[in-house]
């Protein structure tokens, strides 16, 4: 049974940093595409960042230059380093896994292409 568990969320002031982690179990994720999504209050779940097994990455325009996605395949762990946080980054952050390479933006932004999801971790950016 595949399980994804996120951690690292919390309350941070604007301009601060957080590092989210997502630990996977139940299978080897080194050949899978892994990503981060978020859902802000009253909004739909939206794409944040993506890491493919090839090593390539993609980011939402809203986080480009501030967030960095990385993965440790040996430990089946996905990370999201978030710097220069803004109040609009406040959301529940979810990690997700897909068996597809998701090379096109229309694919990797589509939540239905991800087979496995974590339970989410809350990030609140506020002074």
Foldseek 3Di string as FASTA:
>chain_A
DKAKAKDWADEAAAQAKIKMKIFIDDDQQLQKKKFKWWDDPPGDIWGAKIAHSVGDMDGDPVQPPFWDWDADRVRRMIMIIGGRDDQVVWTWMKMFIANDRQPDPVRVGDPVRTDDMHPTDTHGYHD
